[in-house]
Amino acid sequence: MKIILATLKKTLFWSYDRGSWQYDVMCVLILAFIFLAPNSMFTRHRSTVPLVVRSVELGQIEPNNLERELSIRLEQKYGHAAKIARIETVEDSSGEVSYVVHQK
């Protein structure tokens, strides 16, 4: 049991001499993790923050084409297709209509 704890302590505190086989094994394990781990472990996932689009930006559109028009405008603005989950219509005190777009 003492041998296992001593080995774990040396590994945890990286106390093997450079050039020893234990040091080489630890380096190989680190490199294997870096090169073999999936990319999703190193990238942040985008948060799904709702986007606000004012009706002034869209111009005159029909209510039944709202989702398609918002999708086209968001694709033009951000350079990639937007997957729309739902759209909320909000009207402020001055009467201006805005659309809150929730993405998938």
PDB file of N, CA and C in Angstrom:
ATOM      1  N   MET A   1       0.830  -1.194   0.000  1.00  0.00           N
ATOM      2  CA  MET A   1       0.000   0.000   0.000  1.00  0.00           C
ATOM      3  C   MET A   1       0.876   1.261   0.000  1.00  0.00           C
ATOM      4  N   LYS A   2       1.990   1.222   0.724  1.00  0.00           N
ATOM      5  CA  LYS A   2       2.879   2.378   0.774  1.00  0.00           C
ATOM      6  C   LYS A   2       3.506   2.656  -0.587  1.00  0.00           C
ATOM      7  N   ILE A   3       3.762   1.600  -1.353  1.00  0.00           N
ATOM      8  CA  ILE A   3       4.353   1.775  -2.684  1.00  0.00           C
ATOM      9  C   ILE A   3       3.376   2.507  -3.606  1.00  0.00           C
ATOM     10  N   ILE A   4       2.103   2.137  -3.531  1.00  0.00           N
ATOM     11  CA  ILE A   4       1.083   2.784  -4.370  1.00  0.00           C
ATOM     12  C   ILE A   4       0.950   4.257  -4.000  1.00  0.00           C
ATOM     13  N   LEU A   5       0.876   4.546  -2.704  1.00  0.00           N
ATOM     14  CA  LEU A   5       0.750   5.944  -2.271  1.00  0.00           C
ATOM     15  C   LEU A   5       1.987   6.754  -2.644  1.00  0.00           C
ATOM     16  N   ALA A   6       3.161   6.160  -2.518  1.00  0.00           N
ATOM     17  CA  ALA A   6       4.399   6.867  -2.886  1.00  0.00           C
ATOM     18  C   ALA A   6       4.431   7.146  -4.383  1.00  0.00           C
ATOM     19  N   THR A   7       3.989   6.184  -5.187  1.00  0.00           N
ATOM     20  CA  THR A   7       3.937   6.370  -6.645  1.00  0.00           C
ATOM     21  C   THR A   7       2.949   7.469  -7.015  1.00  0.00           C
ATOM     22  N   LEU A   8       1.780   7.450  -6.392  1.00  0.00           N
ATOM     23  CA  LEU A   8       0.784   8.499  -6.661  1.00  0.00           C
ATOM     24  C   LEU A   8       1.302   9.875  -6.250  1.00  0.00           C
ATOM     25  N   LYS A   9       2.006   9.922  -5.114  1.00  0.00           N
ATOM     26  CA  LYS A   9       2.558  11.198  -4.647  1.00  0.00           C
ATOM     27  C   LYS A   9       3.611  11.724  -5.625  1.00  0.00           C
ATOM     28  N   LYS A  10       4.493  10.837  -6.091  1.00  0.00           N
ATOM     29  CA  LYS A  10       5.524  11.258  -7.046  1.00  0.00           C
ATOM     30  C   LYS A  10       4.905  11.709  -8.368  1.00  0.00           C
ATOM     31  N   THR A  11       3.863  10.994  -8.810  1.00  0.00           N
ATOM     32  CA  THR A  11       3.195  11.355 -10.063  1.00  0.00           C
ATOM     33  C   THR A  11       2.471  12.681  -9.913  1.00  0.00           C
ATOM     34  N   LEU A  12       1.758  12.852  -8.818  1.00  0.00           N
ATOM     35  CA  LEU A  12       0.988  14.076  -8.599  1.00  0.00           C
ATOM     36  C   LEU A  12       1.898  15.297  -8.508  1.00  0.00           C
ATOM     37  N   PHE A  13       3.025  15.168  -7.832  1.00  0.00           N
ATOM     38  CA  PHE A  13       3.931  16.307  -7.664  1.00  0.00           C
ATOM     39  C   PHE A  13       5.042  16.347  -8.713  1.00  0.00           C
ATOM     40  N   TRP A  14       4.954  15.456  -9.716  1.00  0.00           N
ATOM     41  CA  TRP A  14       5.873  15.445 -10.858  1.00  0.00           C
ATOM     42  C   TRP A  14       7.326  15.405 -10.375  1.00  0.00           C
ATOM     43  N   SER A  15       7.625  14.466  -9.508  1.00  0.00           N
ATOM     44  CA  SER A  15       8.954  14.433  -8.902  1.00  0.00           C
ATOM     45  C   SER A  15       9.873  13.368  -9.504  1.00  0.00           C
ATOM     46  N   TYR A  16       9.517  12.846 -10.670  1.00  0.00           N
ATOM     47  CA  TYR A  16      10.422  11.918 -11.354  1.00  0.00           C
ATOM     48  C   TYR A  16      11.482  12.717 -12.101  1.00  0.00           C
ATOM     49  N   ASP A  17      12.683  12.186 -12.187  1.00  0.00           N
ATOM     50  CA  ASP A  17      13.765  12.855 -12.893  1.00  0.00           C
ATOM     51  C   ASP A  17      13.500  12.869 -14.396  1.00  0.00           C
ATOM     52  N   ARG A  18      13.930  13.935 -15.015  1.00  0.00           N
ATOM     53  CA  ARG A  18      13.773  14.051 -16.455  1.00  0.00           C
ATOM     54  C   ARG A  18      14.615  12.974 -17.144  1.00  0.00           C
ATOM     55  N   GLY A  19      14.005  12.279 -18.090  1.00  0.00           N
ATOM     56  CA  GLY A  19      14.706  11.221 -18.793  1.00  0.00           C
ATOM     57  C   GLY A  19      14.414   9.846 -18.233  1.00  0.00           C
ATOM     58  N   SER A  20      13.758   9.778 -17.087  1.00  0.00           N
ATOM     59  CA  SER A  20      13.386   8.468 -16.546  1.00  0.00           C
ATOM     60  C   SER A  20      12.171   7.944 -17.310  1.00  0.00           C
ATOM     61  N   TRP A  21      11.935   6.635 -17.232  1.00  0.00           N
ATOM     62  CA  TRP A  21      10.823   6.068 -18.001  1.00  0.00           C
ATOM     63  C   TRP A  21       9.477   6.559 -17.461  1.00  0.00           C
ATOM     64  N   GLN A  22       9.391   6.856 -16.149  1.00  0.00           N
ATOM     65  CA  GLN A  22       8.144   7.366 -15.577  1.00  0.00           C
ATOM     66  C   GLN A  22       7.829   8.766 -16.119  1.00  0.00           C
ATOM     67  N   TYR A  23       8.859   9.586 -16.233  1.00  0.00           N
ATOM     68  CA  TYR A  23       8.707  10.935 -16.782  1.00  0.00           C
ATOM     69  C   TYR A  23       8.227  10.853 -18.227  1.00  0.00           C
ATOM     70  N   ASP A  24       8.835   9.948 -19.005  1.00  0.00           N
ATOM     71  CA  ASP A  24       8.459   9.780 -20.407  1.00  0.00           C
ATOM     72  C   ASP A  24       7.016   9.300 -20.541  1.00  0.00           C
ATOM     73  N   VAL A  25       6.596   8.395 -19.675  1.00  0.00           N
ATOM     74  CA  VAL A  25       5.219   7.892 -19.714  1.00  0.00           C
ATOM     75  C   VAL A  25       4.237   9.020 -19.417  1.00  0.00           C
ATOM     76  N   MET A  26       4.540   9.856 -18.440  1.00  0.00           N
ATOM     77  CA  MET A  26       3.649  10.977 -18.123  1.00  0.00           C
ATOM     78  C   MET A  26       3.555  11.954 -19.297  1.00  0.00           C
ATOM     79  N   CYS A  27       4.674  12.219 -19.955  1.00  0.00           N
ATOM     80  CA  CYS A  27       4.660  13.119 -21.118  1.00  0.00           C
ATOM     81  C   CYS A  27       3.842  12.529 -22.254  1.00  0.00           C
ATOM     82  N   VAL A  28       3.997  11.229 -22.487  1.00  0.00           N
ATOM     83  CA  VAL A  28       3.216  10.568 -23.548  1.00  0.00           C
ATOM     84  C   VAL A  28       1.730  10.618 -23.220  1.00  0.00           C
ATOM     85  N   LEU A  29       1.359  10.425 -21.977  1.00  0.00           N
ATOM     86  CA  LEU A  29      -0.059  10.497 -21.594  1.00  0.00           C
ATOM     87  C   LEU A  29      -0.627  11.902 -21.810  1.00  0.00           C
ATOM     88  N   ILE A  30       0.162  12.911 -21.491  1.00  0.00           N
ATOM     89  CA  ILE A  30      -0.301  14.290 -21.702  1.00  0.00           C
ATOM     90  C   ILE A  30      -0.473  14.569 -23.192  1.00  0.00           C
ATOM     91  N   LEU A  31       0.492  14.170 -23.994  1.00  0.00           N
ATOM     92  CA  LEU A  31       0.383  14.384 -25.444  1.00  0.00           C
ATOM     93  C   LEU A  31      -0.771  13.585 -26.036  1.00  0.00           C
ATOM     94  N   ALA A  32      -0.984  12.371 -25.559  1.00  0.00           N
ATOM     95  CA  ALA A  32      -2.110  11.566 -26.042  1.00  0.00           C
ATOM     96  C   ALA A  32      -3.424  12.255 -25.715  1.00  0.00           C
ATOM     97  N   PHE A  33      -3.530  12.834 -24.533  1.00  0.00           N
ATOM     98  CA  PHE A  33      -4.751  13.552 -24.176  1.00  0.00           C
ATOM     99  C   PHE A  33      -4.974  14.749 -25.096  1.00  0.00           C
ATOM    100  N   ILE A  34      -3.923  15.496 -25.362  1.00  0.00           N
ATOM    101  CA  ILE A  34      -4.052  16.693 -26.203  1.00  0.00           C
ATOM    102  C   ILE A  34      -4.486  16.328 -27.618  1.00  0.00           C
ATOM    103  N   PHE A  35      -3.859  15.300 -28.198  1.00  0.00           N
ATOM    104  CA  PHE A  35      -4.126  14.990 -29.598  1.00  0.00           C
ATOM    105  C   PHE A  35      -5.308  14.050 -29.820  1.00  0.00           C
ATOM    106  N   LEU A  36      -5.688  13.281 -28.830  1.00  0.00           N
ATOM    107  CA  LEU A  36      -6.763  12.316 -29.020  1.00  0.00           C
ATOM    108  C   LEU A  36      -8.098  12.744 -28.411  1.00  0.00           C
ATOM    109  N   ALA A  37      -8.084  13.779 -27.588  1.00  0.00           N
ATOM    110  CA  ALA A  37      -9.325  14.256 -26.990  1.00  0.00           C
ATOM    111  C   ALA A  37     -10.182  14.928 -28.061  1.00  0.00           C
ATOM    112  N   PRO A  38     -11.505  14.781 -27.990  1.00  0.00           N
ATOM    113  CA  PRO A  38     -12.369  15.427 -28.990  1.00  0.00           C
ATOM    114  C   PRO A  38     -12.326  16.951 -28.866  1.00  0.00           C
ATOM    115  N   ASN A  39     -12.529  17.615 -29.995  1.00  0.00           N
ATOM    116  CA  ASN A  39     -12.476  19.081 -30.019  1.00  0.00           C
ATOM    117  C   ASN A  39     -13.516  19.722 -29.114  1.00  0.00           C
ATOM    118  N   SER A  40     -14.623  19.036 -28.888  1.00  0.00           N
ATOM    119  CA  SER A  40     -15.683  19.615 -28.064  1.00  0.00           C
ATOM    120  C   SER A  40     -15.225  19.850 -26.627  1.00  0.00           C
ATOM    121  N   MET A  41     -14.173  19.172 -26.193  1.00  0.00           N
ATOM    122  CA  MET A  41     -13.661  19.403 -24.843  1.00  0.00           C
ATOM    123  C   MET A  41     -12.947  20.742 -24.731  1.00  0.00           C
ATOM    124  N   PHE A  42     -12.472  21.289 -25.848  1.00  0.00           N
ATOM    125  CA  PHE A  42     -11.681  22.505 -25.829  1.00  0.00           C
ATOM    126  C   PHE A  42     -12.436  23.729 -26.338  1.00  0.00           C
ATOM    127  N   THR A  43     -13.657  23.562 -26.798  1.00  0.00           N
ATOM    128  CA  THR A  43     -14.424  24.693 -27.307  1.00  0.00           C
ATOM    129  C   THR A  43     -15.582  24.998 -26.374  1.00  0.00           C
ATOM    130  N   ARG A  44     -15.900  26.263 -26.304  1.00  0.00           N
ATOM    131  CA  ARG A  44     -17.050  26.665 -25.502  1.00  0.00           C
ATOM    132  C   ARG A  44     -18.305  26.560 -26.348  1.00  0.00           C
ATOM    133  N   HIS A  45     -19.367  26.171 -25.725  1.00  0.00           N
ATOM    134  CA  HIS A  45     -20.642  26.109 -26.428  1.00  0.00           C
ATOM    135  C   HIS A  45     -21.264  27.498 -26.417  1.00  0.00           C
ATOM    136  N   ARG A  46     -21.845  27.838 -27.548  1.00  0.00           N
ATOM    137  CA  ARG A  46     -22.485  29.147 -27.630  1.00  0.00           C
ATOM    138  C   ARG A  46     -23.728  29.176 -26.757  1.00  0.00           C
ATOM    139  N   SER A  47     -23.887  30.255 -26.053  1.00  0.00           N
ATOM    140  CA  SER A  47     -25.095  30.384 -25.259  1.00  0.00           C
ATOM    141  C   SER A  47     -26.234  30.816 -26.181  1.00  0.00           C
ATOM    142  N   THR A  48     -27.403  30.440 -25.808  1.00  0.00           N
ATOM    143  CA  THR A  48     -28.559  30.772 -26.637  1.00  0.00           C
ATOM    144  C   THR A  48     -29.221  32.029 -26.089  1.00  0.00           C
ATOM    145  N   VAL A  49     -28.559  33.145 -26.297  1.00  0.00           N
ATOM    146  CA  VAL A  49     -29.086  34.438 -25.880  1.00  0.00           C
ATOM    147  C   VAL A  49     -30.096  34.889 -26.929  1.00  0.00           C
ATOM    148  N   PRO A  50     -31.278  35.298 -26.504  1.00  0.00           N
ATOM    149  CA  PRO A  50     -32.257  35.754 -27.491  1.00  0.00           C
ATOM    150  C   PRO A  50     -31.777  37.008 -28.210  1.00  0.00           C
ATOM    151  N   LEU A  51     -32.098  37.089 -29.488  1.00  0.00           N
ATOM    152  CA  LEU A  51     -31.737  38.252 -30.300  1.00  0.00           C
ATOM    153  C   LEU A  51     -32.956  39.141 -30.469  1.00  0.00           C
ATOM    154  N   VAL A  52     -32.740  40.437 -30.439  1.00  0.00           N
ATOM    155  CA  VAL A  52     -33.829  41.394 -30.612  1.00  0.00           C
ATOM    156  C   VAL A  52     -33.680  42.041 -31.979  1.00  0.00           C
ATOM    157  N   VAL A  53     -34.739  41.942 -32.781  1.00  0.00           N
ATOM    158  CA  VAL A  53     -34.751  42.536 -34.112  1.00  0.00           C
ATOM    159  C   VAL A  53     -35.905  43.525 -34.162  1.00  0.00           C
ATOM    160  N   ARG A  54     -35.594  44.777 -34.482  1.00  0.00           N
ATOM    161  CA  ARG A  54     -36.646  45.792 -34.552  1.00  0.00           C
ATOM    162  C   ARG A  54     -37.355  45.704 -35.895  1.00  0.00           C
ATOM    163  N   SER A  55     -38.615  46.049 -35.907  1.00  0.00           N
ATOM    164  CA  SER A  55     -39.395  45.991 -37.144  1.00  0.00           C
ATOM    165  C   SER A  55     -38.869  46.982 -38.175  1.00  0.00           C
ATOM    166  N   VAL A  56     -38.189  48.044 -37.722  1.00  0.00           N
ATOM    167  CA  VAL A  56     -37.604  49.024 -38.638  1.00  0.00           C
ATOM    168  C   VAL A  56     -36.531  48.352 -39.495  1.00  0.00           C
ATOM    169  N   GLU A  57     -35.778  47.417 -38.900  1.00  0.00           N
ATOM    170  CA  GLU A  57     -34.733  46.711 -39.635  1.00  0.00           C
ATOM    171  C   GLU A  57     -35.322  45.790 -40.704  1.00  0.00           C
ATOM    172  N   LEU A  58     -36.499  45.265 -40.457  1.00  0.00           N
ATOM    173  CA  LEU A  58     -37.117  44.321 -41.399  1.00  0.00           C
ATOM    174  C   LEU A  58     -37.904  45.000 -42.497  1.00  0.00           C
ATOM    175  N   GLY A  59     -38.465  46.132 -42.189  1.00  0.00           N
ATOM    176  CA  GLY A  59     -39.323  46.788 -43.166  1.00  0.00           C
ATOM    177  C   GLY A  59     -40.716  46.186 -43.108  1.00  0.00           C
ATOM    178  N   GLN A  60     -41.449  46.319 -44.194  1.00  0.00           N
ATOM    179  CA  GLN A  60     -42.825  45.829 -44.250  1.00  0.00           C
ATOM    180  C   GLN A  60     -42.823  44.342 -44.621  1.00  0.00           C
ATOM    181  N   ILE A  61     -43.326  43.493 -43.744  1.00  0.00           N
ATOM    182  CA  ILE A  61     -43.417  42.062 -44.040  1.00  0.00           C
ATOM    183  C   ILE A  61     -44.778  41.530 -43.598  1.00  0.00           C
ATOM    184  N   GLU A  62     -45.159  40.425 -44.175  1.00  0.00           N
ATOM    185  CA  GLU A  62     -46.420  39.791 -43.807  1.00  0.00           C
ATOM    186  C   GLU A  62     -46.194  38.923 -42.570  1.00  0.00           C
ATOM    187  N   PRO A  63     -47.176  38.845 -41.677  1.00  0.00           N
ATOM    188  CA  PRO A  63     -47.004  38.056 -40.453  1.00  0.00           C
ATOM    189  C   PRO A  63     -46.753  36.564 -40.715  1.00  0.00           C
ATOM    190  N   ASN A  64     -47.280  36.016 -41.809  1.00  0.00           N
ATOM    191  CA  ASN A  64     -47.069  34.589 -42.068  1.00  0.00           C
ATOM    192  C   ASN A  64     -45.669  34.303 -42.622  1.00  0.00           C
ATOM    193  N   ASN A  65     -44.934  35.320 -43.074  1.00  0.00           N
ATOM    194  CA  ASN A  65     -43.557  35.161 -43.551  1.00  0.00           C
ATOM    195  C   ASN A  65     -42.529  35.628 -42.528  1.00  0.00           C
ATOM    196  N   LEU A  66     -42.962  35.882 -41.313  1.00  0.00           N
ATOM    197  CA  LEU A  66     -42.091  36.465 -40.297  1.00  0.00           C
ATOM    198  C   LEU A  66     -40.887  35.581 -39.989  1.00  0.00           C
ATOM    199  N   GLU A  67     -41.104  34.302 -39.761  1.00  0.00           N
ATOM    200  CA  GLU A  67     -39.999  33.415 -39.406  1.00  0.00           C
ATOM    201  C   GLU A  67     -38.983  33.303 -40.538  1.00  0.00           C
ATOM    202  N   ARG A  68     -39.459  33.187 -41.756  1.00  0.00           N
ATOM    203  CA  ARG A  68     -38.559  33.082 -42.908  1.00  0.00           C
ATOM    204  C   ARG A  68     -37.752  34.368 -43.087  1.00  0.00           C
ATOM    205  N   GLU A  69     -38.404  35.527 -42.983  1.00  0.00           N
ATOM    206  CA  GLU A  69     -37.713  36.812 -43.127  1.00  0.00           C
ATOM    207  C   GLU A  69     -36.676  37.025 -42.020  1.00  0.00           C
ATOM    208  N   LEU A  70     -37.038  36.690 -40.784  1.00  0.00           N
ATOM    209  CA  LEU A  70     -36.076  36.823 -39.688  1.00  0.00           C
ATOM    210  C   LEU A  70     -34.888  35.899 -39.892  1.00  0.00           C
ATOM    211  N   SER A  71     -35.136  34.699 -40.356  1.00  0.00           N
ATOM    212  CA  SER A  71     -34.057  33.754 -40.611  1.00  0.00           C
ATOM    213  C   SER A  71     -33.108  34.279 -41.678  1.00  0.00           C
ATOM    214  N   ILE A  72     -33.655  34.835 -42.744  1.00  0.00           N
ATOM    215  CA  ILE A  72     -32.829  35.393 -43.824  1.00  0.00           C
ATOM    216  C   ILE A  72     -32.007  36.571 -43.320  1.00  0.00           C
ATOM    217  N   ARG A  73     -32.636  37.486 -42.561  1.00  0.00           N
ATOM    218  CA  ARG A  73     -31.928  38.667 -42.062  1.00  0.00           C
ATOM    219  C   ARG A  73     -30.821  38.284 -41.071  1.00  0.00           C
ATOM    220  N   LEU A  74     -31.104  37.324 -40.203  1.00  0.00           N
ATOM    221  CA  LEU A  74     -30.085  36.899 -39.241  1.00  0.00           C
ATOM    222  C   LEU A  74     -28.931  36.194 -39.940  1.00  0.00           C
ATOM    223  N   GLU A  75     -29.227  35.444 -40.981  1.00  0.00           N
ATOM    224  CA  GLU A  75     -28.162  34.782 -41.747  1.00  0.00           C
ATOM    225  C   GLU A  75     -27.287  35.815 -42.439  1.00  0.00           C
ATOM    226  N   GLN A  76     -27.901  36.861 -42.992  1.00  0.00           N
ATOM    227  CA  GLN A  76     -27.128  37.920 -43.634  1.00  0.00           C
ATOM    228  C   GLN A  76     -26.265  38.662 -42.613  1.00  0.00           C
ATOM    229  N   LYS A  77     -26.812  38.895 -41.435  1.00  0.00           N
ATOM    230  CA  LYS A  77     -26.114  39.672 -40.424  1.00  0.00           C
ATOM    231  C   LYS A  77     -24.958  38.904 -39.794  1.00  0.00           C
ATOM    232  N   TYR A  78     -25.165  37.602 -39.484  1.00  0.00           N
ATOM    233  CA  TYR A  78     -24.159  36.834 -38.755  1.00  0.00           C
ATOM    234  C   TYR A  78     -23.371  35.866 -39.616  1.00  0.00           C
ATOM    235  N   GLY A  79     -23.773  35.662 -40.857  1.00  0.00           N
ATOM    236  CA  GLY A  79     -23.002  34.826 -41.761  1.00  0.00           C
ATOM    237  C   GLY A  79     -23.252  33.334 -41.654  1.00  0.00           C
ATOM    238  N   HIS A  80     -24.225  32.928 -40.876  1.00  0.00           N
ATOM    239  CA  HIS A  80     -24.576  31.509 -40.791  1.00  0.00           C
ATOM    240  C   HIS A  80     -26.075  31.385 -40.531  1.00  0.00           C
ATOM    241  N   ALA A  81     -26.613  30.226 -40.845  1.00  0.00           N
ATOM    242  CA  ALA A  81     -28.047  30.010 -40.709  1.00  0.00           C
ATOM    243  C   ALA A  81     -28.459  30.050 -39.243  1.00  0.00           C
ATOM    244  N   ALA A  82     -29.575  30.684 -38.979  1.00  0.00           N
ATOM    245  CA  ALA A  82     -30.102  30.763 -37.617  1.00  0.00           C
ATOM    246  C   ALA A  82     -31.227  29.749 -37.470  1.00  0.00           C
ATOM    247  N   LYS A  83     -31.162  28.950 -36.428  1.00  0.00           N
ATOM    248  CA  LYS A  83     -32.221  27.986 -36.142  1.00  0.00           C
ATOM    249  C   LYS A  83     -33.148  28.613 -35.114  1.00  0.00           C
ATOM    250  N   ILE A  84     -34.324  28.997 -35.549  1.00  0.00           N
ATOM    251  CA  ILE A  84     -35.254  29.734 -34.703  1.00  0.00           C
ATOM    252  C   ILE A  84     -36.159  28.759 -33.966  1.00  0.00           C
ATOM    253  N   ALA A  85     -36.200  28.880 -32.639  1.00  0.00           N
ATOM    254  CA  ALA A  85     -37.072  28.044 -31.822  1.00  0.00           C
ATOM    255  C   ALA A  85     -38.448  28.700 -31.683  1.00  0.00           C
ATOM    256  N   ARG A  86     -38.445  29.986 -31.339  1.00  0.00           N
ATOM    257  CA  ARG A  86     -39.711  30.718 -31.223  1.00  0.00           C
ATOM    258  C   ARG A  86     -39.455  32.214 -31.355  1.00  0.00           C
ATOM    259  N   ILE A  87     -40.531  32.933 -31.646  1.00  0.00           N
ATOM    260  CA  ILE A  87     -40.449  34.381 -31.845  1.00  0.00           C
ATOM    261  C   ILE A  87     -41.499  35.038 -30.959  1.00  0.00           C
ATOM    262  N   GLU A  88     -41.070  36.043 -30.201  1.00  0.00           N
ATOM    263  CA  GLU A  88     -42.005  36.828 -29.388  1.00  0.00           C
ATOM    264  C   GLU A  88     -42.103  38.230 -29.990  1.00  0.00           C
ATOM    265  N   THR A  89     -43.303  38.754 -30.057  1.00  0.00           N
ATOM    266  CA  THR A  89     -43.517  40.116 -30.533  1.00  0.00           C
ATOM    267  C   THR A  89     -43.665  41.031 -29.329  1.00  0.00           C
ATOM    268  N   VAL A  90     -42.864  42.096 -29.298  1.00  0.00           N
ATOM    269  CA  VAL A  90     -42.873  43.029 -28.176  1.00  0.00           C
ATOM    270  C   VAL A  90     -43.106  44.424 -28.723  1.00  0.00           C
ATOM    271  N   GLU A  91     -43.992  45.166 -28.065  1.00  0.00           N
ATOM    272  CA  GLU A  91     -44.270  46.545 -28.486  1.00  0.00           C
ATOM    273  C   GLU A  91     -43.899  47.470 -27.338  1.00  0.00           C
ATOM    274  N   ASP A  92     -43.086  48.486 -27.622  1.00  0.00           N
ATOM    275  CA  ASP A  92     -42.691  49.407 -26.561  1.00  0.00           C
ATOM    276  C   ASP A  92     -43.715  50.525 -26.416  1.00  0.00           C
ATOM    277  N   SER A  93     -43.443  51.460 -25.506  1.00  0.00           N
ATOM    278  CA  SER A  93     -44.406  52.527 -25.203  1.00  0.00           C
ATOM    279  C   SER A  93     -44.643  53.470 -26.378  1.00  0.00           C
ATOM    280  N   SER A  94     -43.667  53.586 -27.282  1.00  0.00           N
ATOM    281  CA  SER A  94     -43.842  54.478 -28.436  1.00  0.00           C
ATOM    282  C   SER A  94     -44.571  53.787 -29.590  1.00  0.00           C
ATOM    283  N   GLY A  95     -44.869  52.499 -29.438  1.00  0.00           N
ATOM    284  CA  GLY A  95     -45.596  51.778 -30.476  1.00  0.00           C
ATOM    285  C   GLY A  95     -44.704  51.030 -31.452  1.00  0.00           C
ATOM    286  N   GLU A  96     -43.386  51.097 -31.250  1.00  0.00           N
ATOM    287  CA  GLU A  96     -42.465  50.381 -32.150  1.00  0.00           C
ATOM    288  C   GLU A  96     -42.454  48.896 -31.790  1.00  0.00           C
ATOM    289  N   VAL A  97     -42.572  48.079 -32.811  1.00  0.00           N
ATOM    290  CA  VAL A  97     -42.623  46.633 -32.609  1.00  0.00           C
ATOM    291  C   VAL A  97     -41.219  46.042 -32.781  1.00  0.00           C
ATOM    292  N   SER A  98     -40.863  45.155 -31.858  1.00  0.00           N
ATOM    293  CA  SER A  98     -39.600  44.421 -31.938  1.00  0.00           C
ATOM    294  C   SER A  98     -39.906  42.939 -31.808  1.00  0.00           C
ATOM    295  N   TYR A  99     -39.020  42.132 -32.353  1.00  0.00           N
ATOM    296  CA  TYR A  99     -39.180  40.673 -32.296  1.00  0.00           C
ATOM    297  C   TYR A  99     -38.020  40.090 -31.505  1.00  0.00           C
ATOM    298  N   VAL A 100     -38.349  39.304 -30.509  1.00  0.00           N
ATOM    299  CA  VAL A 100     -37.345  38.611 -29.704  1.00  0.00           C
ATOM    300  C   VAL A 100     -37.247  37.190 -30.260  1.00  0.00           C
ATOM    301  N   VAL A 101     -36.074  36.862 -30.819  1.00  0.00           N
ATOM    302  CA  VAL A 101     -35.875  35.577 -31.476  1.00  0.00           C
ATOM    303  C   VAL A 101     -35.092  34.671 -30.538  1.00  0.00           C
ATOM    304  N   HIS A 102     -35.694  33.535 -30.182  1.00  0.00           N
ATOM    305  CA  HIS A 102     -35.030  32.527 -29.351  1.00  0.00           C
ATOM    306  C   HIS A 102     -34.504  31.444 -30.291  1.00  0.00           C
ATOM    307  N   GLN A 103     -33.206  31.159 -30.192  1.00  0.00           N
ATOM    308  CA  GLN A 103     -32.591  30.167 -31.069  1.00  0.00           C
ATOM    309  C   GLN A 103     -32.573  28.796 -30.416  1.00  0.00           C
ATOM    310  N   LYS A 104     -32.459  27.780 -31.258  1.00  0.00           N
ATOM    311  CA  LYS A 104     -32.366  26.407 -30.775  1.00  0.00           C
ATOM    312  C   LYS A 104     -30.983  26.123 -30.283  1.00  0.00           C
TER     313      LYS A 104
END
